[in-house]
N, C-alpha and C. Protein backbone atom coordinates (compact mmCIF):
# COMPACT_ATOMS: atom_id res chain seq x y z
N MET A 1 20.66 -0.41 -7.95
CA MET A 1 21.64 0.29 -7.13
C MET A 1 20.91 1.25 -6.21
N LEU A 2 21.26 1.23 -4.94
CA LEU A 2 20.66 2.13 -3.96
C LEU A 2 21.22 3.54 -4.13
N LYS A 3 20.32 4.51 -4.26
CA LYS A 3 20.72 5.91 -4.32
C LYS A 3 20.66 6.47 -2.90
N VAL A 4 21.78 7.04 -2.42
CA VAL A 4 21.92 7.45 -1.02
C VAL A 4 22.00 8.96 -0.90
N LEU A 5 21.27 9.49 0.08
CA LEU A 5 21.35 10.89 0.46
C LEU A 5 21.88 10.93 1.89
N VAL A 6 22.96 11.70 2.13
CA VAL A 6 23.55 11.83 3.46
C VAL A 6 23.16 13.18 4.04
N VAL A 7 22.51 13.16 5.22
CA VAL A 7 22.02 14.38 5.85
C VAL A 7 22.69 14.52 7.22
N GLU A 8 23.54 15.52 7.35
CA GLU A 8 24.31 15.73 8.58
C GLU A 8 24.72 17.19 8.63
N ASP A 9 24.46 17.86 9.77
CA ASP A 9 24.78 19.27 9.87
C ASP A 9 26.27 19.53 10.05
N GLU A 10 27.00 18.59 10.61
CA GLU A 10 28.45 18.77 10.79
C GLU A 10 29.16 18.30 9.52
N GLU A 11 29.71 19.27 8.80
CA GLU A 11 30.29 18.97 7.49
C GLU A 11 31.39 17.92 7.57
N LEU A 12 32.22 17.97 8.59
CA LEU A 12 33.31 17.01 8.72
C LEU A 12 32.78 15.58 8.84
N ILE A 13 31.73 15.41 9.62
CA ILE A 13 31.13 14.08 9.77
C ILE A 13 30.45 13.66 8.47
N ARG A 14 29.72 14.58 7.85
CA ARG A 14 29.04 14.28 6.58
C ARG A 14 30.05 13.84 5.52
N ARG A 15 31.12 14.60 5.37
CA ARG A 15 32.14 14.26 4.38
C ARG A 15 32.82 12.94 4.75
N GLY A 16 33.00 12.72 6.04
CA GLY A 16 33.60 11.46 6.50
C GLY A 16 32.76 10.26 6.10
N ILE A 17 31.45 10.38 6.25
CA ILE A 17 30.54 9.28 5.86
C ILE A 17 30.64 9.04 4.36
N VAL A 18 30.61 10.12 3.60
CA VAL A 18 30.64 10.00 2.14
C VAL A 18 31.96 9.39 1.65
N LEU A 19 33.07 9.81 2.25
CA LEU A 19 34.38 9.38 1.76
C LEU A 19 34.88 8.07 2.37
N ALA A 20 34.35 7.68 3.52
CA ALA A 20 34.88 6.51 4.23
C ALA A 20 34.40 5.18 3.66
N VAL A 21 33.33 5.22 2.90
CA VAL A 21 32.72 3.98 2.42
C VAL A 21 32.95 3.80 0.93
N ASP A 22 33.26 2.58 0.54
CA ASP A 22 33.35 2.24 -0.89
C ASP A 22 31.92 1.90 -1.34
N TRP A 23 31.18 2.92 -1.69
CA TRP A 23 29.75 2.80 -1.98
C TRP A 23 29.48 1.84 -3.14
N ALA A 24 30.27 1.92 -4.17
CA ALA A 24 30.04 1.09 -5.36
C ALA A 24 30.12 -0.40 -5.02
N SER A 25 31.05 -0.76 -4.14
CA SER A 25 31.19 -2.18 -3.78
C SER A 25 29.98 -2.69 -2.99
N LEU A 26 29.20 -1.77 -2.42
CA LEU A 26 28.00 -2.13 -1.67
C LEU A 26 26.74 -2.03 -2.53
N GLY A 27 26.91 -1.69 -3.79
CA GLY A 27 25.76 -1.52 -4.66
C GLY A 27 25.01 -0.23 -4.39
N CYS A 28 25.77 0.80 -4.00
CA CYS A 28 25.18 2.09 -3.64
C CYS A 28 25.92 3.21 -4.37
N VAL A 29 25.26 4.35 -4.46
CA VAL A 29 25.88 5.56 -4.97
C VAL A 29 25.32 6.74 -4.18
N VAL A 30 26.20 7.62 -3.71
CA VAL A 30 25.76 8.82 -3.00
C VAL A 30 25.34 9.83 -4.05
N VAL A 31 24.04 10.18 -4.03
CA VAL A 31 23.52 11.11 -5.04
C VAL A 31 23.43 12.53 -4.51
N GLY A 32 23.57 12.70 -3.18
CA GLY A 32 23.49 14.05 -2.64
C GLY A 32 23.79 14.11 -1.17
N GLU A 33 23.96 15.37 -0.72
CA GLU A 33 24.22 15.65 0.69
C GLU A 33 23.35 16.83 1.10
N ALA A 34 23.04 16.88 2.40
CA ALA A 34 22.26 18.00 2.93
C ALA A 34 22.73 18.27 4.36
N ALA A 35 22.61 19.55 4.78
CA ALA A 35 23.08 19.95 6.10
C ALA A 35 21.96 20.02 7.13
N ASN A 36 20.71 19.84 6.70
CA ASN A 36 19.59 19.85 7.66
C ASN A 36 18.36 19.25 6.98
N GLY A 37 17.30 19.11 7.76
CA GLY A 37 16.09 18.48 7.25
C GLY A 37 15.43 19.23 6.11
N GLU A 38 15.47 20.56 6.15
CA GLU A 38 14.87 21.35 5.07
C GLU A 38 15.59 21.09 3.75
N GLU A 39 16.91 21.15 3.79
CA GLU A 39 17.69 20.87 2.57
C GLU A 39 17.43 19.43 2.10
N ALA A 40 17.30 18.53 3.05
CA ALA A 40 17.08 17.13 2.71
C ALA A 40 15.76 16.93 1.99
N LEU A 41 14.69 17.59 2.46
CA LEU A 41 13.39 17.46 1.81
C LEU A 41 13.47 17.92 0.36
N GLU A 42 14.17 19.03 0.12
CA GLU A 42 14.34 19.53 -1.25
C GLU A 42 15.16 18.53 -2.08
N ALA A 43 16.21 17.99 -1.48
CA ALA A 43 17.07 17.03 -2.19
C ALA A 43 16.30 15.75 -2.52
N VAL A 44 15.44 15.31 -1.62
CA VAL A 44 14.65 14.10 -1.87
C VAL A 44 13.75 14.31 -3.09
N GLU A 45 13.15 15.48 -3.21
CA GLU A 45 12.30 15.78 -4.36
C GLU A 45 13.09 15.73 -5.67
N ARG A 46 14.30 16.26 -5.65
CA ARG A 46 15.14 16.31 -6.86
C ARG A 46 15.79 14.98 -7.19
N LEU A 47 16.24 14.24 -6.16
CA LEU A 47 17.12 13.10 -6.38
C LEU A 47 16.48 11.73 -6.20
N SER A 48 15.33 11.67 -5.57
CA SER A 48 14.62 10.41 -5.31
C SER A 48 15.54 9.31 -4.75
N PRO A 49 16.17 9.56 -3.59
CA PRO A 49 17.04 8.53 -3.03
C PRO A 49 16.22 7.34 -2.51
N SER A 50 16.83 6.17 -2.52
CA SER A 50 16.18 5.00 -1.94
C SER A 50 16.64 4.78 -0.52
N LEU A 51 17.71 5.48 -0.10
CA LEU A 51 18.23 5.39 1.27
C LEU A 51 18.66 6.77 1.72
N ILE A 52 18.23 7.12 2.95
CA ILE A 52 18.63 8.39 3.55
C ILE A 52 19.36 8.06 4.84
N ILE A 53 20.58 8.57 4.96
CA ILE A 53 21.34 8.44 6.20
C ILE A 53 21.31 9.80 6.84
N THR A 54 20.74 9.89 8.05
CA THR A 54 20.53 11.21 8.63
C THR A 54 20.88 11.28 10.11
N ASP A 55 21.29 12.46 10.51
CA ASP A 55 21.47 12.80 11.91
C ASP A 55 20.09 13.14 12.47
N LEU A 56 19.96 13.15 13.78
CA LEU A 56 18.69 13.56 14.40
C LEU A 56 18.68 15.04 14.71
N LYS A 57 19.65 15.48 15.47
CA LYS A 57 19.69 16.88 15.93
C LYS A 57 20.41 17.73 14.89
N MET A 58 19.62 18.60 14.22
CA MET A 58 20.17 19.51 13.21
C MET A 58 19.43 20.83 13.31
N PRO A 59 20.06 21.92 12.89
CA PRO A 59 19.36 23.21 12.89
C PRO A 59 18.26 23.25 11.83
N ARG A 60 17.33 24.15 12.01
CA ARG A 60 16.21 24.42 11.09
C ARG A 60 15.17 23.30 11.05
N MET A 61 15.57 22.05 10.91
CA MET A 61 14.62 20.94 10.95
C MET A 61 15.39 19.68 11.34
N ASP A 62 14.95 19.03 12.41
CA ASP A 62 15.66 17.83 12.85
C ASP A 62 15.26 16.61 12.02
N GLY A 63 15.96 15.51 12.26
CA GLY A 63 15.75 14.31 11.48
C GLY A 63 14.37 13.69 11.64
N ILE A 64 13.80 13.77 12.84
CA ILE A 64 12.47 13.19 13.08
C ILE A 64 11.40 13.97 12.33
N GLU A 65 11.47 15.29 12.36
CA GLU A 65 10.50 16.11 11.64
C GLU A 65 10.64 15.88 10.13
N MET A 66 11.87 15.79 9.65
CA MET A 66 12.09 15.50 8.24
C MET A 66 11.46 14.16 7.87
N LEU A 67 11.70 13.15 8.70
CA LEU A 67 11.16 11.82 8.45
C LEU A 67 9.63 11.83 8.47
N ARG A 68 9.05 12.54 9.43
CA ARG A 68 7.59 12.66 9.51
C ARG A 68 7.03 13.24 8.21
N ARG A 69 7.64 14.31 7.73
CA ARG A 69 7.17 14.96 6.50
C ARG A 69 7.34 14.06 5.27
N LEU A 70 8.45 13.34 5.23
CA LEU A 70 8.65 12.40 4.11
C LEU A 70 7.55 11.35 4.09
N ARG A 71 7.24 10.78 5.24
CA ARG A 71 6.22 9.73 5.31
C ARG A 71 4.84 10.29 4.97
N GLU A 72 4.56 11.52 5.41
CA GLU A 72 3.29 12.15 5.06
C GLU A 72 3.15 12.31 3.55
N ARG A 73 4.26 12.52 2.87
CA ARG A 73 4.27 12.68 1.41
C ARG A 73 4.27 11.33 0.69
N GLY A 74 4.28 10.25 1.47
CA GLY A 74 4.26 8.93 0.86
C GLY A 74 5.63 8.39 0.49
N ASN A 75 6.68 9.09 0.88
CA ASN A 75 8.04 8.64 0.56
C ASN A 75 8.42 7.50 1.50
N MET A 76 8.77 6.36 0.91
CA MET A 76 9.10 5.18 1.71
C MET A 76 10.57 4.79 1.59
N ALA A 77 11.44 5.78 1.37
CA ALA A 77 12.88 5.51 1.32
C ALA A 77 13.32 4.90 2.64
N TYR A 78 14.30 4.03 2.57
CA TYR A 78 14.89 3.49 3.79
C TYR A 78 15.63 4.62 4.48
N VAL A 79 15.62 4.61 5.83
CA VAL A 79 16.28 5.65 6.59
C VAL A 79 17.13 5.01 7.68
N ILE A 80 18.39 5.42 7.72
CA ILE A 80 19.29 5.02 8.80
C ILE A 80 19.60 6.28 9.58
N ILE A 81 19.36 6.23 10.89
CA ILE A 81 19.63 7.38 11.74
C ILE A 81 20.97 7.18 12.43
N LEU A 82 21.80 8.22 12.36
CA LEU A 82 23.07 8.26 13.08
C LEU A 82 22.96 9.40 14.07
N THR A 83 23.12 9.11 15.36
CA THR A 83 22.96 10.16 16.35
C THR A 83 23.79 9.91 17.59
N ALA A 84 24.11 10.99 18.28
CA ALA A 84 24.82 10.89 19.55
C ALA A 84 23.83 10.80 20.71
N TYR A 85 22.53 10.93 20.42
CA TYR A 85 21.50 10.92 21.46
C TYR A 85 20.88 9.53 21.57
N ASP A 86 21.04 8.93 22.74
CA ASP A 86 20.50 7.59 22.94
C ASP A 86 19.17 7.63 23.68
N SER A 87 18.45 8.72 23.54
CA SER A 87 17.17 8.91 24.20
C SER A 87 16.13 7.91 23.67
N PHE A 88 15.42 7.27 24.59
CA PHE A 88 14.38 6.33 24.21
C PHE A 88 13.29 7.03 23.41
N GLU A 89 13.00 8.28 23.75
CA GLU A 89 11.97 9.05 23.05
C GLU A 89 12.32 9.23 21.57
N TYR A 90 13.58 9.53 21.27
CA TYR A 90 14.00 9.67 19.87
C TYR A 90 13.88 8.34 19.13
N ALA A 91 14.35 7.29 19.78
CA ALA A 91 14.28 5.97 19.15
C ALA A 91 12.83 5.58 18.89
N GLN A 92 11.96 5.85 19.83
CA GLN A 92 10.54 5.53 19.70
C GLN A 92 9.92 6.30 18.53
N SER A 93 10.25 7.58 18.41
CA SER A 93 9.74 8.38 17.29
C SER A 93 10.27 7.85 15.96
N ALA A 94 11.53 7.48 15.95
CA ALA A 94 12.14 6.94 14.73
C ALA A 94 11.45 5.66 14.30
N ILE A 95 11.17 4.79 15.25
CA ILE A 95 10.49 3.53 14.95
C ILE A 95 9.09 3.80 14.42
N LYS A 96 8.42 4.77 15.01
CA LYS A 96 7.06 5.14 14.58
C LYS A 96 7.03 5.49 13.09
N TYR A 97 8.10 6.12 12.62
CA TYR A 97 8.16 6.54 11.21
C TYR A 97 8.91 5.55 10.34
N GLY A 98 9.18 4.36 10.85
CA GLY A 98 9.70 3.28 10.04
C GLY A 98 11.16 3.37 9.63
N VAL A 99 12.05 3.77 10.55
CA VAL A 99 13.46 3.79 10.20
C VAL A 99 13.97 2.36 10.03
N SER A 100 14.98 2.21 9.20
CA SER A 100 15.58 0.90 8.97
C SER A 100 16.54 0.54 10.09
N ASP A 101 17.28 1.54 10.56
CA ASP A 101 18.26 1.30 11.60
C ASP A 101 18.55 2.58 12.36
N TYR A 102 19.14 2.42 13.54
CA TYR A 102 19.40 3.53 14.45
C TYR A 102 20.78 3.27 15.05
N LEU A 103 21.78 4.03 14.63
CA LEU A 103 23.15 3.83 15.10
C LEU A 103 23.58 5.00 15.96
N LEU A 104 24.29 4.69 17.04
CA LEU A 104 24.79 5.73 17.93
C LEU A 104 26.20 6.16 17.54
N LYS A 105 26.43 7.48 17.57
CA LYS A 105 27.75 8.03 17.31
C LYS A 105 28.58 7.91 18.59
N PRO A 106 29.86 7.79 18.49
CA PRO A 106 30.62 7.66 17.25
C PRO A 106 30.40 6.28 16.65
N ILE A 107 30.25 6.25 15.36
CA ILE A 107 29.99 4.97 14.68
C ILE A 107 31.30 4.40 14.15
N LYS A 108 31.33 3.09 14.12
CA LYS A 108 32.49 2.40 13.54
C LYS A 108 32.15 2.13 12.07
N LYS A 109 33.16 2.23 11.25
CA LYS A 109 32.98 2.00 9.82
C LYS A 109 32.38 0.63 9.57
N ALA A 110 32.84 -0.38 10.29
CA ALA A 110 32.34 -1.75 10.10
C ALA A 110 30.86 -1.84 10.43
N ASP A 111 30.42 -1.13 11.49
CA ASP A 111 29.00 -1.14 11.85
C ASP A 111 28.16 -0.47 10.77
N LEU A 112 28.66 0.63 10.23
CA LEU A 112 27.93 1.32 9.17
C LEU A 112 27.83 0.43 7.94
N ILE A 113 28.91 -0.21 7.56
CA ILE A 113 28.90 -1.08 6.38
C ILE A 113 27.95 -2.25 6.59
N GLU A 114 27.98 -2.84 7.78
CA GLU A 114 27.06 -3.95 8.08
C GLU A 114 25.61 -3.49 7.96
N THR A 115 25.31 -2.32 8.48
CA THR A 115 23.97 -1.76 8.39
C THR A 115 23.58 -1.48 6.94
N LEU A 116 24.51 -0.95 6.17
CA LEU A 116 24.25 -0.68 4.76
C LEU A 116 23.97 -1.98 4.01
N LEU A 117 24.71 -3.03 4.30
CA LEU A 117 24.47 -4.32 3.64
C LEU A 117 23.10 -4.88 3.98
N ARG A 118 22.70 -4.77 5.26
CA ARG A 118 21.36 -5.24 5.66
C ARG A 118 20.27 -4.44 4.94
N THR A 119 20.47 -3.14 4.88
CA THR A 119 19.48 -2.29 4.23
C THR A 119 19.41 -2.60 2.74
N ARG A 120 20.55 -2.83 2.12
CA ARG A 120 20.58 -3.18 0.70
C ARG A 120 19.82 -4.48 0.44
N GLU A 121 19.97 -5.46 1.33
CA GLU A 121 19.24 -6.72 1.19
C GLU A 121 17.73 -6.49 1.29
N LYS A 122 17.31 -5.66 2.24
CA LYS A 122 15.88 -5.32 2.36
C LYS A 122 15.39 -4.65 1.08
N TYR A 123 16.19 -3.74 0.55
CA TYR A 123 15.84 -3.03 -0.68
C TYR A 123 15.70 -4.01 -1.84
N LEU A 124 16.65 -4.92 -1.97
CA LEU A 124 16.61 -5.90 -3.07
C LEU A 124 15.39 -6.81 -2.95
N ARG A 125 15.08 -7.24 -1.72
CA ARG A 125 13.89 -8.09 -1.53
C ARG A 125 12.63 -7.34 -1.88
N ARG A 126 12.53 -6.09 -1.45
CA ARG A 126 11.34 -5.29 -1.75
C ARG A 126 11.22 -5.05 -3.25
N THR A 127 12.33 -4.76 -3.90
CA THR A 127 12.33 -4.54 -5.35
C THR A 127 11.91 -5.81 -6.08
N GLU A 128 12.43 -6.95 -5.63
CA GLU A 128 12.07 -8.23 -6.24
C GLU A 128 10.58 -8.52 -6.05
N GLN A 129 10.07 -8.25 -4.86
CA GLN A 129 8.64 -8.48 -4.60
C GLN A 129 7.79 -7.57 -5.46
N LEU A 130 8.19 -6.31 -5.59
CA LEU A 130 7.43 -5.39 -6.43
C LEU A 130 7.48 -5.84 -7.88
N THR A 131 8.64 -6.28 -8.32
CA THR A 131 8.77 -6.74 -9.70
C THR A 131 7.88 -7.95 -9.93
N SER A 132 7.88 -8.91 -9.00
CA SER A 132 7.03 -10.09 -9.13
C SER A 132 5.56 -9.69 -9.14
N ALA A 133 5.20 -8.78 -8.26
CA ALA A 133 3.81 -8.33 -8.20
C ALA A 133 3.41 -7.62 -9.49
N GLU A 134 4.31 -6.81 -10.02
CA GLU A 134 4.01 -6.11 -11.28
C GLU A 134 3.85 -7.10 -12.43
N GLN A 135 4.70 -8.14 -12.46
CA GLN A 135 4.60 -9.15 -13.50
C GLN A 135 3.28 -9.90 -13.38
N LEU A 136 2.90 -10.25 -12.16
CA LEU A 136 1.63 -10.94 -11.94
C LEU A 136 0.46 -10.07 -12.37
N LYS A 137 0.52 -8.79 -12.02
CA LYS A 137 -0.53 -7.86 -12.40
C LYS A 137 -0.66 -7.77 -13.92
N MET A 138 0.48 -7.72 -14.62
CA MET A 138 0.45 -7.64 -16.08
C MET A 138 -0.13 -8.93 -16.68
N THR A 139 0.23 -10.07 -16.12
CA THR A 139 -0.29 -11.35 -16.60
C THR A 139 -1.80 -11.41 -16.41
N ILE A 140 -2.26 -11.01 -15.24
CA ILE A 140 -3.70 -11.02 -14.95
C ILE A 140 -4.43 -10.08 -15.90
N GLN A 141 -3.87 -8.88 -16.12
CA GLN A 141 -4.51 -7.93 -17.02
C GLN A 141 -4.57 -8.48 -18.43
N SER A 142 -3.51 -9.16 -18.87
CA SER A 142 -3.49 -9.77 -20.19
C SER A 142 -4.57 -10.84 -20.30
N ASP A 143 -4.70 -11.67 -19.26
CA ASP A 143 -5.73 -12.71 -19.26
C ASP A 143 -7.13 -12.10 -19.29
N ILE A 144 -7.33 -11.03 -18.55
CA ILE A 144 -8.63 -10.36 -18.54
C ILE A 144 -8.94 -9.82 -19.94
N ASP A 145 -7.93 -9.22 -20.56
CA ASP A 145 -8.13 -8.68 -21.92
C ASP A 145 -8.50 -9.79 -22.90
N LYS A 146 -7.84 -10.95 -22.78
CA LYS A 146 -8.14 -12.08 -23.66
C LYS A 146 -9.57 -12.59 -23.43
N LEU A 147 -9.95 -12.67 -22.15
CA LEU A 147 -11.32 -13.12 -21.84
C LEU A 147 -12.36 -12.16 -22.40
N ARG A 148 -12.12 -10.88 -22.24
CA ARG A 148 -13.06 -9.89 -22.77
C ARG A 148 -13.16 -9.99 -24.29
N ALA A 149 -12.00 -10.11 -24.93
CA ALA A 149 -12.00 -10.20 -26.40
C ALA A 149 -12.73 -11.45 -26.86
N GLY A 150 -12.48 -12.57 -26.16
CA GLY A 150 -13.16 -13.82 -26.51
C GLY A 150 -14.66 -13.74 -26.30
N LEU A 151 -15.08 -13.16 -25.21
CA LEU A 151 -16.50 -13.02 -24.92
C LEU A 151 -17.16 -12.11 -25.95
N PHE A 152 -16.49 -11.02 -26.28
CA PHE A 152 -17.02 -10.08 -27.28
C PHE A 152 -17.17 -10.77 -28.64
N ALA A 153 -16.14 -11.51 -29.03
CA ALA A 153 -16.20 -12.22 -30.32
C ALA A 153 -17.34 -13.23 -30.31
N ASN A 154 -17.49 -13.93 -29.21
CA ASN A 154 -18.55 -14.93 -29.09
C ASN A 154 -19.93 -14.28 -29.18
N LEU A 155 -20.08 -13.14 -28.51
CA LEU A 155 -21.36 -12.43 -28.56
C LEU A 155 -21.69 -12.00 -29.99
N LEU A 156 -20.68 -11.53 -30.70
CA LEU A 156 -20.89 -11.12 -32.09
C LEU A 156 -21.26 -12.31 -32.97
N LEU A 157 -20.60 -13.44 -32.76
CA LEU A 157 -20.85 -14.62 -33.58
C LEU A 157 -22.23 -15.23 -33.29
N GLN A 158 -22.69 -15.10 -32.07
CA GLN A 158 -23.98 -15.69 -31.69
C GLN A 158 -25.12 -14.67 -31.75
N GLY A 159 -24.85 -13.53 -32.30
CA GLY A 159 -25.91 -12.53 -32.45
C GLY A 159 -26.28 -11.87 -31.14
N GLY A 160 -25.37 -11.82 -30.20
CA GLY A 160 -25.63 -11.10 -28.97
C GLY A 160 -26.17 -11.94 -27.84
N ALA A 161 -26.37 -13.21 -28.06
CA ALA A 161 -26.92 -14.03 -26.98
C ALA A 161 -25.89 -15.06 -26.52
N VAL A 162 -25.75 -15.17 -25.22
CA VAL A 162 -24.88 -16.19 -24.63
C VAL A 162 -25.75 -17.08 -23.78
N SER A 163 -25.72 -18.36 -24.08
CA SER A 163 -26.56 -19.27 -23.31
C SER A 163 -26.01 -19.42 -21.90
N PRO A 164 -26.89 -19.63 -20.90
CA PRO A 164 -26.45 -19.73 -19.50
C PRO A 164 -25.53 -20.94 -19.28
N ASP A 165 -25.61 -21.97 -20.12
CA ASP A 165 -24.76 -23.14 -19.93
C ASP A 165 -23.56 -23.13 -20.88
N ALA A 166 -23.15 -21.93 -21.35
CA ALA A 166 -22.02 -21.82 -22.28
C ALA A 166 -20.74 -22.26 -21.61
N ASP A 167 -19.95 -22.98 -22.35
CA ASP A 167 -18.67 -23.48 -21.85
C ASP A 167 -17.61 -22.37 -21.96
N ILE A 168 -16.99 -22.01 -20.82
CA ILE A 168 -16.02 -20.90 -20.80
C ILE A 168 -14.82 -21.19 -21.69
N ALA A 169 -14.39 -22.45 -21.76
CA ALA A 169 -13.24 -22.81 -22.60
C ALA A 169 -13.58 -22.56 -24.07
N ARG A 170 -14.84 -22.88 -24.42
CA ARG A 170 -15.29 -22.66 -25.81
C ARG A 170 -15.36 -21.17 -26.10
N ILE A 171 -15.83 -20.39 -25.11
CA ILE A 171 -15.92 -18.93 -25.29
C ILE A 171 -14.53 -18.35 -25.46
N ASN A 172 -13.58 -18.79 -24.65
CA ASN A 172 -12.19 -18.30 -24.74
C ASN A 172 -11.53 -18.71 -26.04
N ALA A 173 -11.86 -19.91 -26.52
CA ALA A 173 -11.26 -20.40 -27.78
C ALA A 173 -11.74 -19.52 -28.91
């Protein structure tokens, strides 16, 4: 399940985002809200969201600066930017820091839901890939451990000497 943090300085818009979507039906849960980038950074540390929905222009710290700091800390949460500013410079900065999507306000509920579904699919694929990679890593480590144990046992049985033409299958057996 995707854990979502909503970051928006306008409380009415923030609450609208949180209340307008049936998060559970999308495989998501809103774990927190923040009114600016500073609050968001603190919330990310506490809540470990996998998706951040954020405005760009906010007091104290804007969305781009927040995103820059998150990436510097190694946080790779998906980020969807919602903004009224269609400036190419903002979009370029957002892309530089790896945003998942960039939506212009006013947003339609259907567009937000479509974006959330796409992001959820990306999240599931990444999670599946990580899980497969972790399983492969564990299998390889297990095989390495078996090889080491077999080689050690063979060395003990042969008095410490392994002939250069030793059969690896025999050593593993």
